[in-house]
Amino acid sequence: MEIYRYDNKWFTSINAEFDKTGNLKIRGHDIDDGMESWVGSDEFEYFLTVPKDAVEAFTLEVLKKSFNENKPLGFYDLRDICKDNNIEHYHDWWA
């Protein structure tokens, strides 16, 4: 399911789904000429997986953070929630 889309000066799409074993998979795809100098390509994909056993803790931390923020949460906010709260996760990217 697409949970975020921006298609104007650049393109971003973020999708979330549960795999067959109950792991939460969040993936994003950006296209922006400005990324060339940062990652060596104008396309960038990134992934975050929260294992089934950690989804409950992750969900509660996301709710806590989102209720106490004045701005929408982004992909890297979700990754940081995992890191800051010792929630098991896997993060990777490629360009």
C-alpha atoms as a PDB file:
ATOM      1  CA  MET A   1       0.000   0.000   0.000  1.00  0.00           C
ATOM      2  CA  GLU A   2       1.354   3.391  -0.900  1.00  0.00           C
ATOM      3  CA  ILE A   3       1.508   5.488   2.290  1.00  0.00           C
ATOM      4  CA  TYR A   4       3.147   8.598   0.821  1.00  0.00           C
ATOM      5  CA  ARG A   5       3.572  10.117  -2.630  1.00  0.00           C
ATOM      6  CA  TYR A   6       5.085  13.385  -3.805  1.00  0.00           C
ATOM      7  CA  ASP A   7       5.263  14.036  -7.527  1.00  0.00           C
ATOM      8  CA  ASN A   8       6.157  17.642  -8.243  1.00  0.00           C
ATOM      9  CA  LYS A   9       9.702  19.062  -8.248  1.00  0.00           C
ATOM     10  CA  TRP A  10      10.969  15.545  -7.525  1.00  0.00           C
ATOM     11  CA  PHE A  11       9.344  12.156  -7.046  1.00  0.00           C
ATOM     12  CA  THR A  12       9.000  10.162  -3.828  1.00  0.00           C
ATOM     13  CA  SER A  13       6.868   7.105  -3.175  1.00  0.00           C
ATOM     14  CA  ILE A  14       6.816   5.160   0.099  1.00  0.00           C
ATOM     15  CA  ASN A  15       5.017   1.826   0.426  1.00  0.00           C
ATOM     16  CA  ALA A  16       4.314  -0.394   3.417  1.00  0.00           C
ATOM     17  CA  GLU A  17       3.136  -3.986   3.604  1.00  0.00           C
ATOM     18  CA  PHE A  18       3.372  -7.108   5.713  1.00  0.00           C
ATOM     19  CA  ASP A  19       5.139 -10.091   4.197  1.00  0.00           C
ATOM     20  CA  LYS A  20       3.847 -13.676   4.504  1.00  0.00           C
ATOM     21  CA  THR A  21       5.560 -14.139   7.873  1.00  0.00           C
ATOM     22  CA  GLY A  22       4.217 -10.917   9.430  1.00  0.00           C
ATOM     23  CA  ASN A  23       7.290  -8.708   9.062  1.00  0.00           C
ATOM     24  CA  LEU A  24       6.551  -5.062   8.297  1.00  0.00           C
ATOM     25  CA  LYS A  25       8.295  -3.933   5.102  1.00  0.00           C
ATOM     26  CA  ILE A  26       8.579  -0.223   4.300  1.00  0.00           C
ATOM     27  CA  ARG A  27      10.279   0.833   1.098  1.00  0.00           C
ATOM     28  CA  GLY A  28      10.805   4.133  -0.626  1.00  0.00           C
ATOM     29  CA  HIS A  29      11.845   5.299  -4.063  1.00  0.00           C
ATOM     30  CA  ASP A  30      13.084   8.805  -4.877  1.00  0.00           C
ATOM     31  CA  ILE A  31      13.935  10.340  -8.239  1.00  0.00           C
ATOM     32  CA  ASP A  32      15.639  13.735  -8.128  1.00  0.00           C
ATOM     33  CA  ASP A  33      18.471  15.194 -10.206  1.00  0.00           C
ATOM     34  CA  GLY A  34      19.903  16.741  -7.030  1.00  0.00           C
ATOM     35  CA  MET A  35      20.687  13.294  -5.618  1.00  0.00           C
ATOM     36  CA  GLU A  36      23.352  12.653  -8.257  1.00  0.00           C
ATOM     37  CA  SER A  37      26.034  14.411  -6.197  1.00  0.00           C
ATOM     38  CA  TRP A  38      24.946  12.665  -2.990  1.00  0.00           C
ATOM     39  CA  VAL A  39      24.492   9.031  -4.055  1.00  0.00           C
ATOM     40  CA  GLY A  40      25.857   9.012  -7.604  1.00  0.00           C
ATOM     41  CA  SER A  41      22.482   8.491  -9.243  1.00  0.00           C
ATOM     42  CA  ASP A  42      19.250  10.404  -9.689  1.00  0.00           C
ATOM     43  CA  GLU A  43      17.357   7.364  -8.325  1.00  0.00           C
ATOM     44  CA  PHE A  44      17.519   6.160  -4.739  1.00  0.00           C
ATOM     45  CA  GLU A  45      15.704   3.240  -3.088  1.00  0.00           C
ATOM     46  CA  TYR A  46      15.619   2.499   0.605  1.00  0.00           C
ATOM     47  CA  PHE A  47      14.180  -0.266   2.754  1.00  0.00           C
ATOM     48  CA  LEU A  48      13.207  -0.802   6.384  1.00  0.00           C
ATOM     49  CA  THR A  49      12.050  -4.138   7.757  1.00  0.00           C
ATOM     50  CA  VAL A  50      10.637  -4.533  11.247  1.00  0.00           C
ATOM     51  CA  PRO A  51      10.404  -8.220  12.231  1.00  0.00           C
ATOM     52  CA  LYS A  52       7.019  -9.569  13.282  1.00  0.00           C
ATOM     53  CA  ASP A  53       8.056  -9.816  16.936  1.00  0.00           C
ATOM     54  CA  ALA A  54       9.046  -6.122  17.012  1.00  0.00           C
ATOM     55  CA  VAL A  55       6.025  -4.665  15.156  1.00  0.00           C
ATOM     56  CA  GLU A  56       4.022  -4.105  18.355  1.00  0.00           C
ATOM     57  CA  ALA A  57       6.786  -2.065  20.048  1.00  0.00           C
ATOM     58  CA  PHE A  58       7.433  -0.210  16.789  1.00  0.00           C
ATOM     59  CA  THR A  59       3.755   0.693  16.386  1.00  0.00           C
ATOM     60  CA  LEU A  60       3.508   2.085  19.913  1.00  0.00           C
ATOM     61  CA  GLU A  61       6.672   4.162  19.489  1.00  0.00           C
ATOM     62  CA  VAL A  62       5.423   5.526  16.156  1.00  0.00           C
ATOM     63  CA  LEU A  63       2.135   6.526  17.783  1.00  0.00           C
ATOM     64  CA  LYS A  64       3.956   8.186  20.677  1.00  0.00           C
ATOM     65  CA  LYS A  65       6.222  10.151  18.355  1.00  0.00           C
ATOM     66  CA  SER A  66       3.483  11.133  15.894  1.00  0.00           C
ATOM     67  CA  PHE A  67       1.240  12.469  18.664  1.00  0.00           C
ATOM     68  CA  ASN A  68       4.098  14.650  19.927  1.00  0.00           C
ATOM     69  CA  GLU A  69       5.415  16.082  16.657  1.00  0.00           C
ATOM     70  CA  ASN A  70       4.403  19.186  14.766  1.00  0.00           C
ATOM     71  CA  LYS A  71       5.466  17.739  11.418  1.00  0.00           C
ATOM     72  CA  PRO A  72       4.706  14.526   9.543  1.00  0.00           C
ATOM     73  CA  LEU A  73       7.008  11.581  10.160  1.00  0.00           C
ATOM     74  CA  GLY A  74       9.265  10.591   7.287  1.00  0.00           C
ATOM     75  CA  PHE A  75      11.027   7.361   6.408  1.00  0.00           C
ATOM     76  CA  TYR A  76      14.190   8.154   8.333  1.00  0.00           C
ATOM     77  CA  ASP A  77      12.147   9.159  11.383  1.00  0.00           C
ATOM     78  CA  LEU A  78      10.810   5.594  11.380  1.00  0.00           C
ATOM     79  CA  ARG A  79      14.323   4.183  11.129  1.00  0.00           C
ATOM     80  CA  ASP A  80      15.456   6.450  13.970  1.00  0.00           C
ATOM     81  CA  ILE A  81      12.538   5.312  16.139  1.00  0.00           C
ATOM     82  CA  CYS A  82      13.885   1.774  15.784  1.00  0.00           C
ATOM     83  CA  LYS A  83      17.466   2.833  16.541  1.00  0.00           C
ATOM     84  CA  ASP A  84      16.579   5.079  19.483  1.00  0.00           C
ATOM     85  CA  ASN A  85      14.357   2.466  21.137  1.00  0.00           C
ATOM     86  CA  ASN A  86      16.469  -0.629  20.444  1.00  0.00           C
ATOM     87  CA  ILE A  87      13.758  -2.098  18.224  1.00  0.00           C
ATOM     88  CA  GLU A  88      15.069  -4.844  15.984  1.00  0.00           C
ATOM     89  CA  HIS A  89      15.080  -3.723  12.361  1.00  0.00           C
ATOM     90  CA  TYR A  90      16.958  -3.971   9.095  1.00  0.00           C
ATOM     91  CA  HIS A  91      17.720  -0.927   6.966  1.00  0.00           C
ATOM     92  CA  ASP A  92      19.415  -0.784   3.572  1.00  0.00           C
ATOM     93  CA  TRP A  93      19.510   1.349   0.443  1.00  0.00           C
ATOM     94  CA  TRP A  94      20.908   1.409  -3.055  1.00  0.00           C
ATOM     95  CA  ALA A  95      21.286   3.969  -5.787  1.00  0.00           C
END
